[in-house]
């Protein structure tokens, strides 16, 4: 597998990928240098990777986790300042912000990075977002070390 040759993938129940039927996608996971877990989704309708989730992973990072002491306050900043939209059923424990193809997962500090038992923590994060509906420019959170740059 192309991706597995470059990164140590986290296994879920012994498998390299996890199927999410409600998203029509397979997911693979690896950690960055700070220990944050990164998820790549291989959507059925994109047809990338020839049916191999690990080969399809670099079609793009699908989710970036943003832990916060107050998740709903971070969601408010992402929607009001950056111009992204929350979707699903936002709660204090988990919120998707963005869209089906690329999103932030806002979760509380001290939870676990799925699919590991590593504790979530706040690490500096810079993310470039391509979204015609979001507010162009660089948005730096006033308290957390998160910087979101929106390009059209």
N, C-alpha and C. Protein backbone atom coordinates (compact mmCIF):
# COMPACT_ATOMS: atom_id res chain seq x y z
N UNK A 1 0.84 -1.19 0.00
CA UNK A 1 0.00 0.00 0.00
C UNK A 1 0.88 1.24 0.00
N UNK A 2 0.59 2.13 -0.89
CA UNK A 2 1.38 3.35 -1.06
C UNK A 2 1.47 4.16 0.24
N UNK A 3 0.34 4.43 0.88
CA UNK A 3 0.33 5.23 2.10
C UNK A 3 1.00 4.49 3.26
N UNK A 4 0.72 3.23 3.39
CA UNK A 4 1.30 2.44 4.49
C UNK A 4 2.81 2.35 4.39
N UNK A 5 3.37 2.49 3.19
CA UNK A 5 4.82 2.50 3.03
C UNK A 5 5.46 3.79 3.52
N UNK A 6 4.65 4.84 3.72
CA UNK A 6 5.17 6.15 4.10
C UNK A 6 4.81 6.57 5.52
N UNK A 7 3.73 6.06 6.04
CA UNK A 7 3.26 6.40 7.38
C UNK A 7 2.87 5.15 8.14
N UNK A 8 2.98 5.24 9.45
CA UNK A 8 2.46 4.15 10.27
C UNK A 8 0.97 4.39 10.47
N UNK A 9 0.16 3.55 9.86
CA UNK A 9 -1.29 3.70 9.94
C UNK A 9 -1.80 3.08 11.23
N UNK A 10 -2.78 3.73 11.83
CA UNK A 10 -3.44 3.17 13.00
C UNK A 10 -4.43 2.12 12.54
N UNK A 11 -4.39 0.98 13.17
CA UNK A 11 -5.32 -0.09 12.81
C UNK A 11 -6.56 -0.01 13.70
N UNK A 12 -7.68 -0.35 13.09
CA UNK A 12 -8.95 -0.39 13.79
C UNK A 12 -9.44 -1.82 13.73
N UNK A 13 -9.51 -2.46 14.88
CA UNK A 13 -9.90 -3.87 14.94
C UNK A 13 -9.06 -4.71 13.98
N UNK A 14 -7.75 -4.40 13.91
CA UNK A 14 -6.82 -5.16 13.09
C UNK A 14 -6.79 -4.77 11.62
N UNK A 15 -7.68 -3.88 11.19
CA UNK A 15 -7.77 -3.50 9.79
C UNK A 15 -7.12 -2.14 9.56
N UNK A 16 -6.62 -1.92 8.35
CA UNK A 16 -5.97 -0.66 8.02
C UNK A 16 -6.99 0.46 7.75
N UNK A 17 -8.23 0.11 7.44
CA UNK A 17 -9.26 1.10 7.15
C UNK A 17 -10.54 0.77 7.91
N UNK A 18 -11.36 1.80 8.09
CA UNK A 18 -12.67 1.63 8.73
C UNK A 18 -13.73 2.12 7.78
N UNK A 19 -14.76 1.34 7.63
CA UNK A 19 -15.88 1.69 6.74
C UNK A 19 -16.88 2.54 7.50
N UNK A 20 -17.29 3.67 6.91
CA UNK A 20 -18.35 4.52 7.43
C UNK A 20 -19.46 4.55 6.39
N UNK A 21 -20.44 3.68 6.56
CA UNK A 21 -21.54 3.58 5.59
C UNK A 21 -22.30 4.90 5.48
N UNK A 22 -22.51 5.61 6.61
CA UNK A 22 -23.29 6.84 6.56
C UNK A 22 -22.57 7.94 5.77
N UNK A 23 -21.27 7.79 5.55
CA UNK A 23 -20.52 8.73 4.73
C UNK A 23 -20.19 8.17 3.35
N UNK A 24 -20.55 6.91 3.11
CA UNK A 24 -20.18 6.23 1.86
C UNK A 24 -18.68 6.34 1.61
N UNK A 25 -17.90 5.98 2.65
CA UNK A 25 -16.45 6.15 2.55
C UNK A 25 -15.73 5.19 3.48
N UNK A 26 -14.45 4.97 3.15
CA UNK A 26 -13.52 4.25 4.02
C UNK A 26 -12.57 5.29 4.60
N UNK A 27 -12.08 5.06 5.81
CA UNK A 27 -11.15 6.00 6.44
C UNK A 27 -9.87 5.29 6.84
N UNK A 28 -8.75 6.00 6.71
CA UNK A 28 -7.46 5.55 7.22
C UNK A 28 -6.93 6.65 8.13
N UNK A 29 -6.11 6.25 9.12
CA UNK A 29 -5.63 7.18 10.14
C UNK A 29 -4.13 7.03 10.35
N UNK A 30 -3.46 8.16 10.58
CA UNK A 30 -2.05 8.19 10.95
C UNK A 30 -1.85 9.39 11.87
N UNK A 31 -0.72 9.44 12.57
CA UNK A 31 -0.44 10.56 13.47
C UNK A 31 0.60 11.48 12.87
N UNK A 32 0.46 12.79 13.18
CA UNK A 32 1.50 13.74 12.78
C UNK A 32 2.58 13.75 13.86
N UNK A 33 3.58 14.60 13.70
CA UNK A 33 4.72 14.63 14.62
C UNK A 33 4.32 15.01 16.05
N UNK A 34 3.23 15.76 16.21
CA UNK A 34 2.78 16.17 17.55
C UNK A 34 1.87 15.13 18.19
N UNK A 35 1.56 14.07 17.45
CA UNK A 35 0.68 13.03 17.99
C UNK A 35 -0.78 13.22 17.66
N UNK A 36 -1.12 14.27 16.90
CA UNK A 36 -2.50 14.47 16.47
C UNK A 36 -2.84 13.43 15.41
N UNK A 37 -4.02 12.90 15.47
CA UNK A 37 -4.44 11.89 14.50
C UNK A 37 -5.06 12.59 13.30
N UNK A 38 -4.62 12.19 12.12
CA UNK A 38 -5.15 12.72 10.87
C UNK A 38 -5.96 11.63 10.20
N UNK A 39 -7.11 12.01 9.67
CA UNK A 39 -7.97 11.06 8.97
C UNK A 39 -8.06 11.43 7.51
N UNK A 40 -7.96 10.43 6.66
CA UNK A 40 -8.21 10.60 5.24
C UNK A 40 -9.40 9.75 4.90
N UNK A 41 -10.42 10.34 4.27
CA UNK A 41 -11.57 9.58 3.81
C UNK A 41 -11.42 9.30 2.32
N UNK A 42 -11.80 8.12 1.94
CA UNK A 42 -11.80 7.71 0.54
C UNK A 42 -13.26 7.54 0.15
N UNK A 43 -13.84 8.61 -0.39
CA UNK A 43 -15.25 8.61 -0.74
C UNK A 43 -15.53 7.69 -1.92
N UNK A 44 -16.60 6.92 -1.82
CA UNK A 44 -16.99 6.02 -2.90
C UNK A 44 -17.22 6.78 -4.20
N UNK A 45 -17.83 7.96 -4.12
CA UNK A 45 -18.20 8.67 -5.34
C UNK A 45 -17.05 9.42 -6.00
N UNK A 46 -15.89 9.49 -5.36
CA UNK A 46 -14.76 10.16 -6.00
C UNK A 46 -13.98 9.20 -6.89
N UNK A 47 -14.09 7.91 -6.61
CA UNK A 47 -13.45 6.91 -7.46
C UNK A 47 -11.93 7.00 -7.47
N UNK A 48 -11.33 7.51 -6.41
CA UNK A 48 -9.87 7.60 -6.37
C UNK A 48 -9.28 6.38 -5.69
N UNK A 49 -8.07 6.03 -6.05
CA UNK A 49 -7.38 4.95 -5.37
C UNK A 49 -7.70 3.57 -5.87
N UNK A 50 -8.56 3.45 -6.84
CA UNK A 50 -8.89 2.14 -7.39
C UNK A 50 -9.45 1.18 -6.36
N UNK A 51 -10.21 1.70 -5.38
CA UNK A 51 -10.81 0.85 -4.36
C UNK A 51 -9.89 0.55 -3.19
N UNK A 52 -8.67 1.08 -3.19
CA UNK A 52 -7.72 0.86 -2.11
C UNK A 52 -7.67 2.11 -1.24
N UNK A 53 -8.26 2.09 -0.03
CA UNK A 53 -8.28 3.29 0.81
C UNK A 53 -6.90 3.88 1.04
N UNK A 54 -5.90 3.08 1.23
CA UNK A 54 -4.57 3.61 1.49
C UNK A 54 -4.00 4.31 0.27
N UNK A 55 -4.32 3.83 -0.93
CA UNK A 55 -3.84 4.49 -2.15
C UNK A 55 -4.61 5.78 -2.41
N UNK A 56 -5.87 5.83 -2.01
CA UNK A 56 -6.71 6.99 -2.27
C UNK A 56 -6.50 8.11 -1.27
N UNK A 57 -5.82 7.84 -0.19
CA UNK A 57 -5.76 8.79 0.92
C UNK A 57 -5.26 10.17 0.54
N UNK A 58 -4.32 10.28 -0.36
CA UNK A 58 -3.78 11.59 -0.65
C UNK A 58 -4.58 12.37 -1.67
N UNK A 59 -5.83 12.00 -1.88
CA UNK A 59 -6.75 12.84 -2.62
C UNK A 59 -6.96 14.12 -1.82
N UNK A 60 -6.71 14.09 -0.53
CA UNK A 60 -6.82 15.27 0.33
C UNK A 60 -7.11 14.86 1.75
N UNK A 61 -6.66 15.68 2.68
CA UNK A 61 -7.00 15.45 4.08
C UNK A 61 -8.46 15.81 4.24
N UNK A 62 -9.21 14.94 4.85
CA UNK A 62 -10.64 15.14 4.99
C UNK A 62 -10.99 15.83 6.30
N UNK A 63 -10.33 15.45 7.37
CA UNK A 63 -10.66 16.02 8.68
C UNK A 63 -9.40 16.47 9.40
N UNK A 64 -9.52 17.62 10.05
CA UNK A 64 -8.47 18.12 10.93
C UNK A 64 -9.12 18.36 12.29
N UNK A 65 -8.57 17.71 13.32
CA UNK A 65 -9.11 17.87 14.66
C UNK A 65 -8.62 19.15 15.31
N UNK A 66 -9.55 19.87 15.93
CA UNK A 66 -9.22 21.09 16.67
C UNK A 66 -9.77 20.96 18.09
N UNK A 67 -8.95 20.48 19.02
CA UNK A 67 -9.40 20.42 20.41
C UNK A 67 -9.55 21.82 21.00
N UNK A 68 -10.49 21.96 21.89
CA UNK A 68 -10.72 23.26 22.53
C UNK A 68 -11.25 23.07 23.95
N UNK A 69 -10.89 23.98 24.87
CA UNK A 69 -11.45 23.90 26.22
C UNK A 69 -12.97 24.09 26.19
N UNK A 70 -13.45 24.92 25.26
CA UNK A 70 -14.88 25.16 25.06
C UNK A 70 -15.20 24.95 23.59
N UNK A 71 -15.50 23.71 23.20
CA UNK A 71 -15.71 23.41 21.78
C UNK A 71 -16.75 24.29 21.08
N UNK A 72 -17.86 24.57 21.73
CA UNK A 72 -18.90 25.35 21.06
C UNK A 72 -18.46 26.79 20.83
N UNK A 73 -17.57 27.33 21.68
CA UNK A 73 -17.02 28.67 21.45
C UNK A 73 -16.11 28.66 20.22
N UNK A 74 -15.33 27.60 20.05
CA UNK A 74 -14.49 27.49 18.86
C UNK A 74 -15.35 27.35 17.60
N UNK A 75 -16.43 26.60 17.69
CA UNK A 75 -17.35 26.47 16.56
C UNK A 75 -17.92 27.84 16.20
N UNK A 76 -18.27 28.62 17.19
CA UNK A 76 -18.80 29.97 16.94
C UNK A 76 -17.77 30.82 16.20
N UNK A 77 -16.50 30.74 16.60
CA UNK A 77 -15.45 31.49 15.92
C UNK A 77 -15.28 31.01 14.47
N UNK A 78 -15.28 29.70 14.25
CA UNK A 78 -15.13 29.15 12.90
C UNK A 78 -16.28 29.58 11.99
N UNK A 79 -17.48 29.67 12.53
CA UNK A 79 -18.62 30.06 11.71
C UNK A 79 -18.68 31.58 11.53
N UNK A 80 -18.47 32.36 12.59
CA UNK A 80 -18.59 33.82 12.51
C UNK A 80 -17.39 34.48 11.84
N UNK A 81 -16.19 34.06 12.18
CA UNK A 81 -14.98 34.72 11.66
C UNK A 81 -14.49 34.12 10.35
N UNK A 82 -14.49 32.80 10.27
CA UNK A 82 -13.94 32.13 9.09
C UNK A 82 -15.01 31.92 8.02
N UNK A 83 -16.27 31.88 8.43
CA UNK A 83 -17.35 31.73 7.47
C UNK A 83 -17.67 30.31 7.09
N UNK A 84 -17.26 29.35 7.92
CA UNK A 84 -17.58 27.95 7.67
C UNK A 84 -18.90 27.61 8.35
N UNK A 85 -19.46 26.46 8.02
CA UNK A 85 -20.74 26.05 8.59
C UNK A 85 -20.59 24.78 9.41
N UNK A 86 -21.27 24.76 10.55
CA UNK A 86 -21.34 23.53 11.35
C UNK A 86 -22.41 22.65 10.71
N UNK A 87 -22.22 21.32 10.80
CA UNK A 87 -23.23 20.42 10.27
C UNK A 87 -23.35 19.20 11.16
N UNK A 88 -24.43 18.50 10.96
CA UNK A 88 -24.73 17.39 11.86
C UNK A 88 -25.44 17.93 13.08
N UNK A 89 -25.22 17.30 14.21
CA UNK A 89 -25.83 17.72 15.47
C UNK A 89 -24.73 18.19 16.42
N UNK A 90 -24.39 19.49 16.39
CA UNK A 90 -23.31 19.98 17.26
C UNK A 90 -23.58 19.70 18.74
N UNK A 91 -22.52 19.29 19.43
CA UNK A 91 -22.61 19.07 20.86
C UNK A 91 -21.30 19.50 21.50
N UNK A 92 -21.24 19.50 22.81
CA UNK A 92 -20.01 19.87 23.52
C UNK A 92 -18.90 18.85 23.29
N UNK A 93 -19.25 17.65 22.84
CA UNK A 93 -18.25 16.60 22.70
C UNK A 93 -17.78 16.36 21.27
N UNK A 94 -18.49 16.91 20.26
CA UNK A 94 -18.11 16.63 18.87
C UNK A 94 -18.91 17.52 17.93
N UNK A 95 -18.20 18.25 17.07
CA UNK A 95 -18.87 19.07 16.06
C UNK A 95 -18.06 19.02 14.76
N UNK A 96 -18.74 18.79 13.65
CA UNK A 96 -18.12 18.93 12.34
C UNK A 96 -18.36 20.35 11.86
N UNK A 97 -17.30 20.99 11.35
CA UNK A 97 -17.42 22.33 10.77
C UNK A 97 -16.74 22.28 9.41
N UNK A 98 -17.46 22.63 8.38
CA UNK A 98 -16.95 22.56 7.01
C UNK A 98 -17.99 21.88 6.15
N UNK A 99 -17.56 20.95 5.31
CA UNK A 99 -18.51 20.23 4.48
C UNK A 99 -18.11 18.76 4.37
N UNK A 100 -18.79 18.03 3.53
CA UNK A 100 -18.58 16.59 3.43
C UNK A 100 -17.18 16.24 2.93
N UNK A 101 -16.58 17.07 2.12
CA UNK A 101 -15.29 16.73 1.54
C UNK A 101 -14.10 17.21 2.37
N UNK A 102 -14.30 18.22 3.22
CA UNK A 102 -13.21 18.73 4.07
C UNK A 102 -13.82 19.45 5.26
N UNK A 103 -13.37 19.08 6.45
CA UNK A 103 -14.00 19.64 7.64
C UNK A 103 -13.05 19.62 8.83
N UNK A 104 -13.40 20.44 9.81
CA UNK A 104 -12.75 20.39 11.10
C UNK A 104 -13.62 19.55 12.02
N UNK A 105 -12.98 18.83 12.91
CA UNK A 105 -13.69 18.14 13.97
C UNK A 105 -13.31 18.87 15.25
N UNK A 106 -14.26 19.55 15.84
CA UNK A 106 -14.02 20.28 17.07
C UNK A 106 -14.44 19.37 18.22
N UNK A 107 -13.51 19.16 19.15
CA UNK A 107 -13.76 18.25 20.25
C UNK A 107 -13.09 18.81 21.52
N UNK A 108 -13.49 18.33 22.68
CA UNK A 108 -12.93 18.86 23.92
C UNK A 108 -11.50 18.40 24.18
N UNK A 109 -10.74 19.27 24.79
CA UNK A 109 -9.39 18.91 25.25
C UNK A 109 -9.54 17.80 26.28
N UNK A 110 -8.66 16.81 26.21
CA UNK A 110 -8.69 15.72 27.17
C UNK A 110 -9.45 14.50 26.72
N UNK A 111 -10.11 14.58 25.56
CA UNK A 111 -10.77 13.40 25.00
C UNK A 111 -9.73 12.51 24.35
N UNK A 112 -10.18 11.56 23.56
CA UNK A 112 -9.25 10.66 22.87
C UNK A 112 -9.29 10.90 21.37
N UNK A 113 -8.11 10.85 20.75
CA UNK A 113 -8.03 10.89 19.30
C UNK A 113 -8.45 9.54 18.77
N UNK A 114 -9.57 9.47 18.06
CA UNK A 114 -9.99 8.22 17.44
C UNK A 114 -9.00 7.89 16.34
N UNK A 115 -8.59 6.70 16.16
CA UNK A 115 -8.93 5.46 16.83
C UNK A 115 -7.89 5.04 17.87
N UNK A 116 -7.28 6.00 18.55
CA UNK A 116 -6.25 5.69 19.53
C UNK A 116 -6.76 5.98 20.93
N UNK A 117 -5.90 5.75 21.91
CA UNK A 117 -6.24 6.15 23.27
C UNK A 117 -5.43 7.38 23.69
N UNK A 118 -4.83 8.05 22.71
CA UNK A 118 -4.06 9.28 22.99
C UNK A 118 -5.01 10.41 23.35
N UNK A 119 -4.60 11.18 24.36
CA UNK A 119 -5.41 12.31 24.81
C UNK A 119 -5.27 13.49 23.86
N UNK A 120 -6.40 14.13 23.55
CA UNK A 120 -6.36 15.32 22.71
C UNK A 120 -5.75 16.48 23.50
N UNK A 121 -4.98 17.27 22.82
CA UNK A 121 -4.37 18.44 23.42
C UNK A 121 -4.25 19.53 22.38
N UNK A 122 -3.95 20.71 22.84
CA UNK A 122 -3.85 21.86 21.94
C UNK A 122 -2.42 22.00 21.45
N UNK A 123 -2.25 21.92 20.16
CA UNK A 123 -0.97 22.11 19.49
C UNK A 123 -1.17 23.19 18.43
N UNK A 124 -0.15 23.99 18.14
CA UNK A 124 -0.29 24.97 17.07
C UNK A 124 -0.71 24.28 15.77
N UNK A 125 -1.66 24.90 15.06
CA UNK A 125 -2.19 24.31 13.85
C UNK A 125 -2.41 25.40 12.83
N UNK A 126 -1.87 25.21 11.64
CA UNK A 126 -2.13 26.09 10.51
C UNK A 126 -2.76 25.27 9.41
N UNK A 127 -3.90 25.73 8.91
CA UNK A 127 -4.64 24.98 7.90
C UNK A 127 -5.01 25.91 6.76
N UNK A 128 -4.83 25.44 5.56
CA UNK A 128 -5.24 26.17 4.36
C UNK A 128 -6.54 25.55 3.87
N UNK A 129 -7.57 26.37 3.71
CA UNK A 129 -8.90 25.92 3.31
C UNK A 129 -9.25 26.55 1.97
N UNK A 130 -9.74 25.74 1.05
CA UNK A 130 -10.25 26.25 -0.22
C UNK A 130 -11.76 26.14 -0.14
N UNK A 131 -12.43 27.30 -0.08
CA UNK A 131 -13.88 27.31 0.07
C UNK A 131 -14.41 28.63 -0.46
N UNK A 132 -15.17 28.58 -1.54
CA UNK A 132 -15.72 29.79 -2.15
C UNK A 132 -16.70 30.52 -1.25
N UNK A 133 -17.30 29.81 -0.29
CA UNK A 133 -18.31 30.43 0.57
C UNK A 133 -17.73 31.00 1.87
N UNK A 134 -16.48 30.67 2.19
CA UNK A 134 -15.86 31.16 3.44
C UNK A 134 -15.25 32.53 3.20
N UNK A 135 -14.82 33.16 4.29
CA UNK A 135 -14.24 34.50 4.25
C UNK A 135 -12.76 34.42 3.90
N UNK A 136 -12.37 34.96 2.73
CA UNK A 136 -10.97 34.87 2.32
C UNK A 136 -10.04 35.58 3.30
N UNK A 137 -8.81 35.08 3.37
CA UNK A 137 -7.80 35.70 4.21
C UNK A 137 -7.34 34.75 5.30
N UNK A 138 -6.45 35.27 6.16
CA UNK A 138 -5.92 34.48 7.27
C UNK A 138 -6.63 34.87 8.55
N UNK A 139 -7.12 33.86 9.26
CA UNK A 139 -7.88 34.06 10.49
C UNK A 139 -7.13 33.39 11.63
N UNK A 140 -6.67 34.19 12.59
CA UNK A 140 -5.96 33.66 13.75
C UNK A 140 -6.89 33.71 14.96
N UNK A 141 -7.04 32.57 15.60
CA UNK A 141 -7.91 32.53 16.77
C UNK A 141 -7.31 33.43 17.85
N UNK A 142 -8.14 34.18 18.57
CA UNK A 142 -7.61 35.13 19.57
C UNK A 142 -6.99 34.48 20.80
N UNK A 143 -7.30 33.22 21.09
CA UNK A 143 -6.78 32.57 22.29
C UNK A 143 -6.06 31.25 22.02
N UNK A 144 -6.48 30.53 21.02
CA UNK A 144 -5.90 29.23 20.71
C UNK A 144 -4.89 29.38 19.57
N UNK A 145 -3.89 28.50 19.49
CA UNK A 145 -2.85 28.64 18.46
C UNK A 145 -3.27 28.06 17.10
N UNK A 146 -4.46 28.47 16.64
CA UNK A 146 -5.00 27.98 15.40
C UNK A 146 -5.08 29.11 14.39
N UNK A 147 -4.55 28.85 13.19
CA UNK A 147 -4.60 29.82 12.11
C UNK A 147 -5.20 29.15 10.88
N UNK A 148 -6.27 29.75 10.37
CA UNK A 148 -6.98 29.20 9.22
C UNK A 148 -6.84 30.21 8.09
N UNK A 149 -6.27 29.77 6.97
CA UNK A 149 -6.16 30.62 5.79
C UNK A 149 -7.15 30.12 4.75
N UNK A 150 -8.04 31.01 4.34
CA UNK A 150 -9.06 30.67 3.35
C UNK A 150 -8.64 31.26 2.01
N UNK A 151 -8.57 30.41 1.00
CA UNK A 151 -8.28 30.86 -0.37
C UNK A 151 -9.46 30.47 -1.25
N UNK A 152 -9.62 31.23 -2.31
CA UNK A 152 -10.73 30.94 -3.22
C UNK A 152 -10.24 30.16 -4.42
